[in-house]
Amino acid sequence: WGMTPGESVQQPMFGAPLYPNQRP
C-alpha cells in the first residue's frame, strides 16, 4: 500500500485472541 513504517504503525489493527474460544 506504499505507506511509510510510521504511517503503518498508526493504523488500526486486528488480531487473534490468546484463547481460541474467544472472538477475533
PDBML (XML) file of the C-alpha atoms, coordinates in Angstrom:
<?xml version="1.0" encoding="UTF-8" ?>
<PDBx:datablock datablockName="MODEL"
   xmlns:PDBx="http://pdbml.pdb.org/schema/pdbx-v50.xsd"
   xmlns:xsi="http://www.w3.org/2001/XMLSchema-instance"
   xsi:schemaLocation="http://pdbml.pdb.org/schema/pdbx-v50.xsd pdbx-v50.xsd">
   <PDBx:atom_siteCategory>
      <PDBx:atom_site id="1">
         <PDBx:B_iso_or_equiv>0.00</PDBx:B_iso_or_equiv>
         <PDBx:Cartn_x>0.000</PDBx:Cartn_x>
         <PDBx:Cartn_y>0.000</PDBx:Cartn_y>
         <PDBx:Cartn_z>0.000</PDBx:Cartn_z>
         <PDBx:auth_asym_id>A</PDBx:auth_asym_id>
         <PDBx:auth_atom_id>CA</PDBx:auth_atom_id>
         <PDBx:auth_comp_id>TRP</PDBx:auth_comp_id>
         <PDBx:auth_seq_id>1</PDBx:auth_seq_id>
         <PDBx:group_PDB>ATOM</PDBx:group_PDB>
         <PDBx:label_alt_id xsi:nil="true" />
         <PDBx:label_asym_id>A</PDBx:label_asym_id>
         <PDBx:label_atom_id>CA</PDBx:label_atom_id>
         <PDBx:label_comp_id>TRP</PDBx:label_comp_id>
         <PDBx:label_entity_id>1</PDBx:label_entity_id>
         <PDBx:label_seq_id>1</PDBx:label_seq_id>
         <PDBx:occupancy>1.00</PDBx:occupancy>
         <PDBx:pdbx_PDB_model_num>1</PDBx:pdbx_PDB_model_num>
         <PDBx:type_symbol>C</PDBx:type_symbol>
      </PDBx:atom_site>
      <PDBx:atom_site id="2">
         <PDBx:B_iso_or_equiv>0.00</PDBx:B_iso_or_equiv>
         <PDBx:Cartn_x>3.052</PDBx:Cartn_x>
         <PDBx:Cartn_y>2.291</PDBx:Cartn_y>
         <PDBx:Cartn_z>-0.087</PDBx:Cartn_z>
         <PDBx:auth_asym_id>A</PDBx:auth_asym_id>
         <PDBx:auth_atom_id>CA</PDBx:auth_atom_id>
         <PDBx:auth_comp_id>GLY</PDBx:auth_comp_id>
         <PDBx:auth_seq_id>2</PDBx:auth_seq_id>
         <PDBx:group_PDB>ATOM</PDBx:group_PDB>
         <PDBx:label_alt_id xsi:nil="true" />
         <PDBx:label_asym_id>A</PDBx:label_asym_id>
         <PDBx:label_atom_id>CA</PDBx:label_atom_id>
         <PDBx:label_comp_id>GLY</PDBx:label_comp_id>
         <PDBx:label_entity_id>1</PDBx:label_entity_id>
         <PDBx:label_seq_id>2</PDBx:label_seq_id>
         <PDBx:occupancy>1.00</PDBx:occupancy>
         <PDBx:pdbx_PDB_model_num>1</PDBx:pdbx_PDB_model_num>
         <PDBx:type_symbol>C</PDBx:type_symbol>
      </PDBx:atom_site>
      <PDBx:atom_site id="3">
         <PDBx:B_iso_or_equiv>0.00</PDBx:B_iso_or_equiv>
         <PDBx:Cartn_x>2.828</PDBx:Cartn_x>
         <PDBx:Cartn_y>3.570</PDBx:Cartn_y>
         <PDBx:Cartn_z>3.475</PDBx:Cartn_z>
         <PDBx:auth_asym_id>A</PDBx:auth_asym_id>
         <PDBx:auth_atom_id>CA</PDBx:auth_atom_id>
         <PDBx:auth_comp_id>MET</PDBx:auth_comp_id>
         <PDBx:auth_seq_id>3</PDBx:auth_seq_id>
         <PDBx:group_PDB>ATOM</PDBx:group_PDB>
         <PDBx:label_alt_id xsi:nil="true" />
         <PDBx:label_asym_id>A</PDBx:label_asym_id>
         <PDBx:label_atom_id>CA</PDBx:label_atom_id>
         <PDBx:label_comp_id>MET</PDBx:label_comp_id>
         <PDBx:label_entity_id>1</PDBx:label_entity_id>
         <PDBx:label_seq_id>3</PDBx:label_seq_id>
         <PDBx:occupancy>1.00</PDBx:occupancy>
         <PDBx:pdbx_PDB_model_num>1</PDBx:pdbx_PDB_model_num>
         <PDBx:type_symbol>C</PDBx:type_symbol>
      </PDBx:atom_site>
      <PDBx:atom_site id="4">
         <PDBx:B_iso_or_equiv>0.00</PDBx:B_iso_or_equiv>
         <PDBx:Cartn_x>5.916</PDBx:Cartn_x>
         <PDBx:Cartn_y>4.570</PDBx:Cartn_y>
         <PDBx:Cartn_z>5.415</PDBx:Cartn_z>
         <PDBx:auth_asym_id>A</PDBx:auth_asym_id>
         <PDBx:auth_atom_id>CA</PDBx:auth_atom_id>
         <PDBx:auth_comp_id>THR</PDBx:auth_comp_id>
         <PDBx:auth_seq_id>4</PDBx:auth_seq_id>
         <PDBx:group_PDB>ATOM</PDBx:group_PDB>
         <PDBx:label_alt_id xsi:nil="true" />
         <PDBx:label_asym_id>A</PDBx:label_asym_id>
         <PDBx:label_atom_id>CA</PDBx:label_atom_id>
         <PDBx:label_comp_id>THR</PDBx:label_comp_id>
         <PDBx:label_entity_id>1</PDBx:label_entity_id>
         <PDBx:label_seq_id>4</PDBx:label_seq_id>
         <PDBx:occupancy>1.00</PDBx:occupancy>
         <PDBx:pdbx_PDB_model_num>1</PDBx:pdbx_PDB_model_num>
         <PDBx:type_symbol>C</PDBx:type_symbol>
      </PDBx:atom_site>
      <PDBx:atom_site id="5">
         <PDBx:B_iso_or_equiv>0.00</PDBx:B_iso_or_equiv>
         <PDBx:Cartn_x>6.537</PDBx:Cartn_x>
         <PDBx:Cartn_y>2.477</PDBx:Cartn_y>
         <PDBx:Cartn_z>8.541</PDBx:Cartn_z>
         <PDBx:auth_asym_id>A</PDBx:auth_asym_id>
         <PDBx:auth_atom_id>CA</PDBx:auth_atom_id>
         <PDBx:auth_comp_id>PRO</PDBx:auth_comp_id>
         <PDBx:auth_seq_id>5</PDBx:auth_seq_id>
         <PDBx:group_PDB>ATOM</PDBx:group_PDB>
         <PDBx:label_alt_id xsi:nil="true" />
         <PDBx:label_asym_id>A</PDBx:label_asym_id>
         <PDBx:label_atom_id>CA</PDBx:label_atom_id>
         <PDBx:label_comp_id>PRO</PDBx:label_comp_id>
         <PDBx:label_entity_id>1</PDBx:label_entity_id>
         <PDBx:label_seq_id>5</PDBx:label_seq_id>
         <PDBx:occupancy>1.00</PDBx:occupancy>
         <PDBx:pdbx_PDB_model_num>1</PDBx:pdbx_PDB_model_num>
         <PDBx:type_symbol>C</PDBx:type_symbol>
      </PDBx:atom_site>
      <PDBx:atom_site id="6">
         <PDBx:B_iso_or_equiv>0.00</PDBx:B_iso_or_equiv>
         <PDBx:Cartn_x>5.442</PDBx:Cartn_x>
         <PDBx:Cartn_y>5.487</PDBx:Cartn_y>
         <PDBx:Cartn_z>10.608</PDBx:Cartn_z>
         <PDBx:auth_asym_id>A</PDBx:auth_asym_id>
         <PDBx:auth_atom_id>CA</PDBx:auth_atom_id>
         <PDBx:auth_comp_id>GLY</PDBx:auth_comp_id>
         <PDBx:auth_seq_id>6</PDBx:auth_seq_id>
         <PDBx:group_PDB>ATOM</PDBx:group_PDB>
         <PDBx:label_alt_id xsi:nil="true" />
         <PDBx:label_asym_id>A</PDBx:label_asym_id>
         <PDBx:label_atom_id>CA</PDBx:label_atom_id>
         <PDBx:label_comp_id>GLY</PDBx:label_comp_id>
         <PDBx:label_entity_id>1</PDBx:label_entity_id>
         <PDBx:label_seq_id>6</PDBx:label_seq_id>
         <PDBx:occupancy>1.00</PDBx:occupancy>
         <PDBx:pdbx_PDB_model_num>1</PDBx:pdbx_PDB_model_num>
         <PDBx:type_symbol>C</PDBx:type_symbol>
      </PDBx:atom_site>
      <PDBx:atom_site id="7">
         <PDBx:B_iso_or_equiv>0.00</PDBx:B_iso_or_equiv>
         <PDBx:Cartn_x>2.121</PDBx:Cartn_x>
         <PDBx:Cartn_y>5.719</PDBx:Cartn_y>
         <PDBx:Cartn_z>8.774</PDBx:Cartn_z>
         <PDBx:auth_asym_id>A</PDBx:auth_asym_id>
         <PDBx:auth_atom_id>CA</PDBx:auth_atom_id>
         <PDBx:auth_comp_id>GLU</PDBx:auth_comp_id>
         <PDBx:auth_seq_id>7</PDBx:auth_seq_id>
         <PDBx:group_PDB>ATOM</PDBx:group_PDB>
         <PDBx:label_alt_id xsi:nil="true" />
         <PDBx:label_asym_id>A</PDBx:label_asym_id>
         <PDBx:label_atom_id>CA</PDBx:label_atom_id>
         <PDBx:label_comp_id>GLU</PDBx:label_comp_id>
         <PDBx:label_entity_id>1</PDBx:label_entity_id>
         <PDBx:label_seq_id>7</PDBx:label_seq_id>
         <PDBx:occupancy>1.00</PDBx:occupancy>
         <PDBx:pdbx_PDB_model_num>1</PDBx:pdbx_PDB_model_num>
         <PDBx:type_symbol>C</PDBx:type_symbol>
      </PDBx:atom_site>
      <PDBx:atom_site id="8">
         <PDBx:B_iso_or_equiv>0.00</PDBx:B_iso_or_equiv>
         <PDBx:Cartn_x>1.609</PDBx:Cartn_x>
         <PDBx:Cartn_y>1.984</PDBx:Cartn_y>
         <PDBx:Cartn_z>9.017</PDBx:Cartn_z>
         <PDBx:auth_asym_id>A</PDBx:auth_asym_id>
         <PDBx:auth_atom_id>CA</PDBx:auth_atom_id>
         <PDBx:auth_comp_id>SER</PDBx:auth_comp_id>
         <PDBx:auth_seq_id>8</PDBx:auth_seq_id>
         <PDBx:group_PDB>ATOM</PDBx:group_PDB>
         <PDBx:label_alt_id xsi:nil="true" />
         <PDBx:label_asym_id>A</PDBx:label_asym_id>
         <PDBx:label_atom_id>CA</PDBx:label_atom_id>
         <PDBx:label_comp_id>SER</PDBx:label_comp_id>
         <PDBx:label_entity_id>1</PDBx:label_entity_id>
         <PDBx:label_seq_id>8</PDBx:label_seq_id>
         <PDBx:occupancy>1.00</PDBx:occupancy>
         <PDBx:pdbx_PDB_model_num>1</PDBx:pdbx_PDB_model_num>
         <PDBx:type_symbol>C</PDBx:type_symbol>
      </PDBx:atom_site>
      <PDBx:atom_site id="9">
         <PDBx:B_iso_or_equiv>0.00</PDBx:B_iso_or_equiv>
         <PDBx:Cartn_x>2.044</PDBx:Cartn_x>
         <PDBx:Cartn_y>1.605</PDBx:Cartn_y>
         <PDBx:Cartn_z>12.783</PDBx:Cartn_z>
         <PDBx:auth_asym_id>A</PDBx:auth_asym_id>
         <PDBx:auth_atom_id>CA</PDBx:auth_atom_id>
         <PDBx:auth_comp_id>VAL</PDBx:auth_comp_id>
         <PDBx:auth_seq_id>9</PDBx:auth_seq_id>
         <PDBx:group_PDB>ATOM</PDBx:group_PDB>
         <PDBx:label_alt_id xsi:nil="true" />
         <PDBx:label_asym_id>A</PDBx:label_asym_id>
         <PDBx:label_atom_id>CA</PDBx:label_atom_id>
         <PDBx:label_comp_id>VAL</PDBx:label_comp_id>
         <PDBx:label_entity_id>1</PDBx:label_entity_id>
         <PDBx:label_seq_id>9</PDBx:label_seq_id>
         <PDBx:occupancy>1.00</PDBx:occupancy>
         <PDBx:pdbx_PDB_model_num>1</PDBx:pdbx_PDB_model_num>
         <PDBx:type_symbol>C</PDBx:type_symbol>
      </PDBx:atom_site>
      <PDBx:atom_site id="10">
         <PDBx:B_iso_or_equiv>0.00</PDBx:B_iso_or_equiv>
         <PDBx:Cartn_x>-0.580</PDBx:Cartn_x>
         <PDBx:Cartn_y>4.334</PDBx:Cartn_y>
         <PDBx:Cartn_z>13.279</PDBx:Cartn_z>
         <PDBx:auth_asym_id>A</PDBx:auth_asym_id>
         <PDBx:auth_atom_id>CA</PDBx:auth_atom_id>
         <PDBx:auth_comp_id>GLN</PDBx:auth_comp_id>
         <PDBx:auth_seq_id>10</PDBx:auth_seq_id>
         <PDBx:group_PDB>ATOM</PDBx:group_PDB>
         <PDBx:label_alt_id xsi:nil="true" />
         <PDBx:label_asym_id>A</PDBx:label_asym_id>
         <PDBx:label_atom_id>CA</PDBx:label_atom_id>
         <PDBx:label_comp_id>GLN</PDBx:label_comp_id>
         <PDBx:label_entity_id>1</PDBx:label_entity_id>
         <PDBx:label_seq_id>10</PDBx:label_seq_id>
         <PDBx:occupancy>1.00</PDBx:occupancy>
         <PDBx:pdbx_PDB_model_num>1</PDBx:pdbx_PDB_model_num>
         <PDBx:type_symbol>C</PDBx:type_symbol>
      </PDBx:atom_site>
      <PDBx:atom_site id="11">
         <PDBx:B_iso_or_equiv>0.00</PDBx:B_iso_or_equiv>
         <PDBx:Cartn_x>-3.270</PDBx:Cartn_x>
         <PDBx:Cartn_y>2.255</PDBx:Cartn_y>
         <PDBx:Cartn_z>11.505</PDBx:Cartn_z>
         <PDBx:auth_asym_id>A</PDBx:auth_asym_id>
         <PDBx:auth_atom_id>CA</PDBx:auth_atom_id>
         <PDBx:auth_comp_id>GLN</PDBx:auth_comp_id>
         <PDBx:auth_seq_id>11</PDBx:auth_seq_id>
         <PDBx:group_PDB>ATOM</PDBx:group_PDB>
         <PDBx:label_alt_id xsi:nil="true" />
         <PDBx:label_asym_id>A</PDBx:label_asym_id>
         <PDBx:label_atom_id>CA</PDBx:label_atom_id>
         <PDBx:label_comp_id>GLN</PDBx:label_comp_id>
         <PDBx:label_entity_id>1</PDBx:label_entity_id>
         <PDBx:label_seq_id>11</PDBx:label_seq_id>
         <PDBx:occupancy>1.00</PDBx:occupancy>
         <PDBx:pdbx_PDB_model_num>1</PDBx:pdbx_PDB_model_num>
         <PDBx:type_symbol>C</PDBx:type_symbol>
      </PDBx:atom_site>
      <PDBx:atom_site id="12">
         <PDBx:B_iso_or_equiv>0.00</PDBx:B_iso_or_equiv>
         <PDBx:Cartn_x>-5.955</PDBx:Cartn_x>
         <PDBx:Cartn_y>0.362</PDBx:Cartn_y>
         <PDBx:Cartn_z>13.444</PDBx:Cartn_z>
         <PDBx:auth_asym_id>A</PDBx:auth_asym_id>
         <PDBx:auth_atom_id>CA</PDBx:auth_atom_id>
         <PDBx:auth_comp_id>PRO</PDBx:auth_comp_id>
         <PDBx:auth_seq_id>12</PDBx:auth_seq_id>
         <PDBx:group_PDB>ATOM</PDBx:group_PDB>
         <PDBx:label_alt_id xsi:nil="true" />
         <PDBx:label_asym_id>A</PDBx:label_asym_id>
         <PDBx:label_atom_id>CA</PDBx:label_atom_id>
         <PDBx:label_comp_id>PRO</PDBx:label_comp_id>
         <PDBx:label_entity_id>1</PDBx:label_entity_id>
         <PDBx:label_seq_id>12</PDBx:label_seq_id>
         <PDBx:occupancy>1.00</PDBx:occupancy>
         <PDBx:pdbx_PDB_model_num>1</PDBx:pdbx_PDB_model_num>
         <PDBx:type_symbol>C</PDBx:type_symbol>
      </PDBx:atom_site>
      <PDBx:atom_site id="13">
         <PDBx:B_iso_or_equiv>0.00</PDBx:B_iso_or_equiv>
         <PDBx:Cartn_x>-5.191</PDBx:Cartn_x>
         <PDBx:Cartn_y>-3.351</PDBx:Cartn_y>
         <PDBx:Cartn_z>13.705</PDBx:Cartn_z>
         <PDBx:auth_asym_id>A</PDBx:auth_asym_id>
         <PDBx:auth_atom_id>CA</PDBx:auth_atom_id>
         <PDBx:auth_comp_id>MET</PDBx:auth_comp_id>
         <PDBx:auth_seq_id>13</PDBx:auth_seq_id>
         <PDBx:group_PDB>ATOM</PDBx:group_PDB>
         <PDBx:label_alt_id xsi:nil="true" />
         <PDBx:label_asym_id>A</PDBx:label_asym_id>
         <PDBx:label_atom_id>CA</PDBx:label_atom_id>
         <PDBx:label_comp_id>MET</PDBx:label_comp_id>
         <PDBx:label_entity_id>1</PDBx:label_entity_id>
         <PDBx:label_seq_id>13</PDBx:label_seq_id>
         <PDBx:occupancy>1.00</PDBx:occupancy>
         <PDBx:pdbx_PDB_model_num>1</PDBx:pdbx_PDB_model_num>
         <PDBx:type_symbol>C</PDBx:type_symbol>
      </PDBx:atom_site>
      <PDBx:atom_site id="14">
         <PDBx:B_iso_or_equiv>0.00</PDBx:B_iso_or_equiv>
         <PDBx:Cartn_x>-6.968</PDBx:Cartn_x>
         <PDBx:Cartn_y>-6.679</PDBx:Cartn_y>
         <PDBx:Cartn_z>14.117</PDBx:Cartn_z>
         <PDBx:auth_asym_id>A</PDBx:auth_asym_id>
         <PDBx:auth_atom_id>CA</PDBx:auth_atom_id>
         <PDBx:auth_comp_id>PHE</PDBx:auth_comp_id>
         <PDBx:auth_seq_id>14</PDBx:auth_seq_id>
         <PDBx:group_PDB>ATOM</PDBx:group_PDB>
         <PDBx:label_alt_id xsi:nil="true" />
         <PDBx:label_asym_id>A</PDBx:label_asym_id>
         <PDBx:label_atom_id>CA</PDBx:label_atom_id>
         <PDBx:label_comp_id>PHE</PDBx:label_comp_id>
         <PDBx:label_entity_id>1</PDBx:label_entity_id>
         <PDBx:label_seq_id>14</PDBx:label_seq_id>
         <PDBx:occupancy>1.00</PDBx:occupancy>
         <PDBx:pdbx_PDB_model_num>1</PDBx:pdbx_PDB_model_num>
         <PDBx:type_symbol>C</PDBx:type_symbol>
      </PDBx:atom_site>
      <PDBx:atom_site id="15">
         <PDBx:B_iso_or_equiv>0.00</PDBx:B_iso_or_equiv>
         <PDBx:Cartn_x>-5.698</PDBx:Cartn_x>
         <PDBx:Cartn_y>-9.802</PDBx:Cartn_y>
         <PDBx:Cartn_z>15.831</PDBx:Cartn_z>
         <PDBx:auth_asym_id>A</PDBx:auth_asym_id>
         <PDBx:auth_atom_id>CA</PDBx:auth_atom_id>
         <PDBx:auth_comp_id>GLY</PDBx:auth_comp_id>
         <PDBx:auth_seq_id>15</PDBx:auth_seq_id>
         <PDBx:group_PDB>ATOM</PDBx:group_PDB>
         <PDBx:label_alt_id xsi:nil="true" />
         <PDBx:label_asym_id>A</PDBx:label_asym_id>
         <PDBx:label_atom_id>CA</PDBx:label_atom_id>
         <PDBx:label_comp_id>GLY</PDBx:label_comp_id>
         <PDBx:label_entity_id>1</PDBx:label_entity_id>
         <PDBx:label_seq_id>15</PDBx:label_seq_id>
         <PDBx:occupancy>1.00</PDBx:occupancy>
         <PDBx:pdbx_PDB_model_num>1</PDBx:pdbx_PDB_model_num>
         <PDBx:type_symbol>C</PDBx:type_symbol>
      </PDBx:atom_site>
      <PDBx:atom_site id="16">
         <PDBx:B_iso_or_equiv>0.00</PDBx:B_iso_or_equiv>
         <PDBx:Cartn_x>-6.294</PDBx:Cartn_x>
         <PDBx:Cartn_y>-13.206</PDBx:Cartn_y>
         <PDBx:Cartn_z>17.321</PDBx:Cartn_z>
         <PDBx:auth_asym_id>A</PDBx:auth_asym_id>
         <PDBx:auth_atom_id>CA</PDBx:auth_atom_id>
         <PDBx:auth_comp_id>ALA</PDBx:auth_comp_id>
         <PDBx:auth_seq_id>16</PDBx:auth_seq_id>
         <PDBx:group_PDB>ATOM</PDBx:group_PDB>
         <PDBx:label_alt_id xsi:nil="true" />
         <PDBx:label_asym_id>A</PDBx:label_asym_id>
         <PDBx:label_atom_id>CA</PDBx:label_atom_id>
         <PDBx:label_comp_id>ALA</PDBx:label_comp_id>
         <PDBx:label_entity_id>1</PDBx:label_entity_id>
         <PDBx:label_seq_id>16</PDBx:label_seq_id>
         <PDBx:occupancy>1.00</PDBx:occupancy>
         <PDBx:pdbx_PDB_model_num>1</PDBx:pdbx_PDB_model_num>
         <PDBx:type_symbol>C</PDBx:type_symbol>
      </PDBx:atom_site>
      <PDBx:atom_site id="17">
         <PDBx:B_iso_or_equiv>0.00</PDBx:B_iso_or_equiv>
         <PDBx:Cartn_x>-7.215</PDBx:Cartn_x>
         <PDBx:Cartn_y>-13.720</PDBx:Cartn_y>
         <PDBx:Cartn_z>20.961</PDBx:Cartn_z>
         <PDBx:auth_asym_id>A</PDBx:auth_asym_id>
         <PDBx:auth_atom_id>CA</PDBx:auth_atom_id>
         <PDBx:auth_comp_id>PRO</PDBx:auth_comp_id>
         <PDBx:auth_seq_id>17</PDBx:auth_seq_id>
         <PDBx:group_PDB>ATOM</PDBx:group_PDB>
         <PDBx:label_alt_id xsi:nil="true" />
         <PDBx:label_asym_id>A</PDBx:label_asym_id>
         <PDBx:label_atom_id>CA</PDBx:label_atom_id>
         <PDBx:label_comp_id>PRO</PDBx:label_comp_id>
         <PDBx:label_entity_id>1</PDBx:label_entity_id>
         <PDBx:label_seq_id>17</PDBx:label_seq_id>
         <PDBx:occupancy>1.00</PDBx:occupancy>
         <PDBx:pdbx_PDB_model_num>1</PDBx:pdbx_PDB_model_num>
         <PDBx:type_symbol>C</PDBx:type_symbol>
      </PDBx:atom_site>
      <PDBx:atom_site id="18">
         <PDBx:B_iso_or_equiv>0.00</PDBx:B_iso_or_equiv>
         <PDBx:Cartn_x>-4.887</PDBx:Cartn_x>
         <PDBx:Cartn_y>-15.590</PDBx:Cartn_y>
         <PDBx:Cartn_z>23.302</PDBx:Cartn_z>
         <PDBx:auth_asym_id>A</PDBx:auth_asym_id>
         <PDBx:auth_atom_id>CA</PDBx:auth_atom_id>
         <PDBx:auth_comp_id>LEU</PDBx:auth_comp_id>
         <PDBx:auth_seq_id>18</PDBx:auth_seq_id>
         <PDBx:group_PDB>ATOM</PDBx:group_PDB>
         <PDBx:label_alt_id xsi:nil="true" />
         <PDBx:label_asym_id>A</PDBx:label_asym_id>
         <PDBx:label_atom_id>CA</PDBx:label_atom_id>
         <PDBx:label_comp_id>LEU</PDBx:label_comp_id>
         <PDBx:label_entity_id>1</PDBx:label_entity_id>
         <PDBx:label_seq_id>18</PDBx:label_seq_id>
         <PDBx:occupancy>1.00</PDBx:occupancy>
         <PDBx:pdbx_PDB_model_num>1</PDBx:pdbx_PDB_model_num>
         <PDBx:type_symbol>C</PDBx:type_symbol>
      </PDBx:atom_site>
      <PDBx:atom_site id="19">
         <PDBx:B_iso_or_equiv>0.00</PDBx:B_iso_or_equiv>
         <PDBx:Cartn_x>-7.569</PDBx:Cartn_x>
         <PDBx:Cartn_y>-18.197</PDBx:Cartn_y>
         <PDBx:Cartn_z>23.965</PDBx:Cartn_z>
         <PDBx:auth_asym_id>A</PDBx:auth_asym_id>
         <PDBx:auth_atom_id>CA</PDBx:auth_atom_id>
         <PDBx:auth_comp_id>TYR</PDBx:auth_comp_id>
         <PDBx:auth_seq_id>19</PDBx:auth_seq_id>
         <PDBx:group_PDB>ATOM</PDBx:group_PDB>
         <PDBx:label_alt_id xsi:nil="true" />
         <PDBx:label_asym_id>A</PDBx:label_asym_id>
         <PDBx:label_atom_id>CA</PDBx:label_atom_id>
         <PDBx:label_comp_id>TYR</PDBx:label_comp_id>
         <PDBx:label_entity_id>1</PDBx:label_entity_id>
         <PDBx:label_seq_id>19</PDBx:label_seq_id>
         <PDBx:occupancy>1.00</PDBx:occupancy>
         <PDBx:pdbx_PDB_model_num>1</PDBx:pdbx_PDB_model_num>
         <PDBx:type_symbol>C</PDBx:type_symbol>
      </PDBx:atom_site>
      <PDBx:atom_site id="20">
         <PDBx:B_iso_or_equiv>0.00</PDBx:B_iso_or_equiv>
         <PDBx:Cartn_x>-9.072</PDBx:Cartn_x>
         <PDBx:Cartn_y>-19.940</PDBx:Cartn_y>
         <PDBx:Cartn_z>20.910</PDBx:Cartn_z>
         <PDBx:auth_asym_id>A</PDBx:auth_asym_id>
         <PDBx:auth_atom_id>CA</PDBx:auth_atom_id>
         <PDBx:auth_comp_id>PRO</PDBx:auth_comp_id>
         <PDBx:auth_seq_id>20</PDBx:auth_seq_id>
         <PDBx:group_PDB>ATOM</PDBx:group_PDB>
         <PDBx:label_alt_id xsi:nil="true" />
         <PDBx:label_asym_id>A</PDBx:label_asym_id>
         <PDBx:label_atom_id>CA</PDBx:label_atom_id>
         <PDBx:label_comp_id>PRO</PDBx:label_comp_id>
         <PDBx:label_entity_id>1</PDBx:label_entity_id>
         <PDBx:label_seq_id>20</PDBx:label_seq_id>
         <PDBx:occupancy>1.00</PDBx:occupancy>
         <PDBx:pdbx_PDB_model_num>1</PDBx:pdbx_PDB_model_num>
         <PDBx:type_symbol>C</PDBx:type_symbol>
      </PDBx:atom_site>
      <PDBx:atom_site id="21">
         <PDBx:B_iso_or_equiv>0.00</PDBx:B_iso_or_equiv>
         <PDBx:Cartn_x>-12.637</PDBx:Cartn_x>
         <PDBx:Cartn_y>-19.909</PDBx:Cartn_y>
         <PDBx:Cartn_z>22.274</PDBx:Cartn_z>
         <PDBx:auth_asym_id>A</PDBx:auth_asym_id>
         <PDBx:auth_atom_id>CA</PDBx:auth_atom_id>
         <PDBx:auth_comp_id>ASN</PDBx:auth_comp_id>
         <PDBx:auth_seq_id>21</PDBx:auth_seq_id>
         <PDBx:group_PDB>ATOM</PDBx:group_PDB>
         <PDBx:label_alt_id xsi:nil="true" />
         <PDBx:label_asym_id>A</PDBx:label_asym_id>
         <PDBx:label_atom_id>CA</PDBx:label_atom_id>
         <PDBx:label_comp_id>ASN</PDBx:label_comp_id>
         <PDBx:label_entity_id>1</PDBx:label_entity_id>
         <PDBx:label_seq_id>21</PDBx:label_seq_id>
         <PDBx:occupancy>1.00</PDBx:occupancy>
         <PDBx:pdbx_PDB_model_num>1</PDBx:pdbx_PDB_model_num>
         <PDBx:type_symbol>C</PDBx:type_symbol>
      </PDBx:atom_site>
      <PDBx:atom_site id="22">
         <PDBx:B_iso_or_equiv>0.00</PDBx:B_iso_or_equiv>
         <PDBx:Cartn_x>-12.789</PDBx:Cartn_x>
         <PDBx:Cartn_y>-16.101</PDBx:Cartn_y>
         <PDBx:Cartn_z>22.113</PDBx:Cartn_z>
         <PDBx:auth_asym_id>A</PDBx:auth_asym_id>
         <PDBx:auth_atom_id>CA</PDBx:auth_atom_id>
         <PDBx:auth_comp_id>GLN</PDBx:auth_comp_id>
         <PDBx:auth_seq_id>22</PDBx:auth_seq_id>
         <PDBx:group_PDB>ATOM</PDBx:group_PDB>
         <PDBx:label_alt_id xsi:nil="true" />
         <PDBx:label_asym_id>A</PDBx:label_asym_id>
         <PDBx:label_atom_id>CA</PDBx:label_atom_id>
         <PDBx:label_comp_id>GLN</PDBx:label_comp_id>
         <PDBx:label_entity_id>1</PDBx:label_entity_id>
         <PDBx:label_seq_id>22</PDBx:label_seq_id>
         <PDBx:occupancy>1.00</PDBx:occupancy>
         <PDBx:pdbx_PDB_model_num>1</PDBx:pdbx_PDB_model_num>
         <PDBx:type_symbol>C</PDBx:type_symbol>
      </PDBx:atom_site>
      <PDBx:atom_site id="23">
         <PDBx:B_iso_or_equiv>0.00</PDBx:B_iso_or_equiv>
         <PDBx:Cartn_x>-13.759</PDBx:Cartn_x>
         <PDBx:Cartn_y>-13.898</PDBx:Cartn_y>
         <PDBx:Cartn_z>19.178</PDBx:Cartn_z>
         <PDBx:auth_asym_id>A</PDBx:auth_asym_id>
         <PDBx:auth_atom_id>CA</PDBx:auth_atom_id>
         <PDBx:auth_comp_id>ARG</PDBx:auth_comp_id>
         <PDBx:auth_seq_id>23</PDBx:auth_seq_id>
         <PDBx:group_PDB>ATOM</PDBx:group_PDB>
         <PDBx:label_alt_id xsi:nil="true" />
         <PDBx:label_asym_id>A</PDBx:label_asym_id>
         <PDBx:label_atom_id>CA</PDBx:label_atom_id>
         <PDBx:label_comp_id>ARG</PDBx:label_comp_id>
         <PDBx:label_entity_id>1</PDBx:label_entity_id>
         <PDBx:label_seq_id>23</PDBx:label_seq_id>
         <PDBx:occupancy>1.00</PDBx:occupancy>
         <PDBx:pdbx_PDB_model_num>1</PDBx:pdbx_PDB_model_num>
         <PDBx:type_symbol>C</PDBx:type_symbol>
      </PDBx:atom_site>
      <PDBx:atom_site id="24">
         <PDBx:B_iso_or_equiv>0.00</PDBx:B_iso_or_equiv>
         <PDBx:Cartn_x>-11.126</PDBx:Cartn_x>
         <PDBx:Cartn_y>-12.247</PDBx:Cartn_y>
         <PDBx:Cartn_z>16.958</PDBx:Cartn_z>
         <PDBx:auth_asym_id>A</PDBx:auth_asym_id>
         <PDBx:auth_atom_id>CA</PDBx:auth_atom_id>
         <PDBx:auth_comp_id>PRO</PDBx:auth_comp_id>
         <PDBx:auth_seq_id>24</PDBx:auth_seq_id>
         <PDBx:group_PDB>ATOM</PDBx:group_PDB>
         <PDBx:label_alt_id xsi:nil="true" />
         <PDBx:label_asym_id>A</PDBx:label_asym_id>
         <PDBx:label_atom_id>CA</PDBx:label_atom_id>
         <PDBx:label_comp_id>PRO</PDBx:label_comp_id>
         <PDBx:label_entity_id>1</PDBx:label_entity_id>
         <PDBx:label_seq_id>24</PDBx:label_seq_id>
         <PDBx:occupancy>1.00</PDBx:occupancy>
         <PDBx:pdbx_PDB_model_num>1</PDBx:pdbx_PDB_model_num>
         <PDBx:type_symbol>C</PDBx:type_symbol>
      </PDBx:atom_site>
   </PDBx:atom_siteCategory>
</PDBx:datablock>
